[in-house]
Amino acid sequence: MSDSDTIAEAEKAKLLGNEKMKEADYIAAAEQFSKATELDSTNHVFYSNRSAAFLLQGMHVEALADAEKCIELNPSWGKGYARKGEVLEAMQEFTKAQEAYRKAKVLGPEEA
């Protein structure tokens, strides 16, 4: 499979994951986002999306790990910090959540 085919397959998995999120099937969504990350481990959006799916399943540790991976891959994307803030808030780590939200607002106020 060529690089462009692999990226196309990863995007397809992301789209399927997005559909599953809309259907509130968070387990299937996480599976699709996992498939996307396996095909393209450099796309920060895949980790952000899987973080959301994990968070909605109450899987806070996994959600935080993916939010942090998203930030590692693209530290200038405010939505990654917003995602991290959501997870930390759910974990009742309010001071850390507030820090993440502040960073999100600085980087991309429309996403915070």
Foldseek 3Di string as FASTA:
>chain_A
DDLVVLQVQLVVLQVVLVVCVVVVVLVSSLVSLVSSCVSPVLALVSLLSNLVSCVSVVNLVSSLVSLVSSCVSPVLALLSLQSNLVSCVVVVVNVSSVVSNVSSCVRPVVND
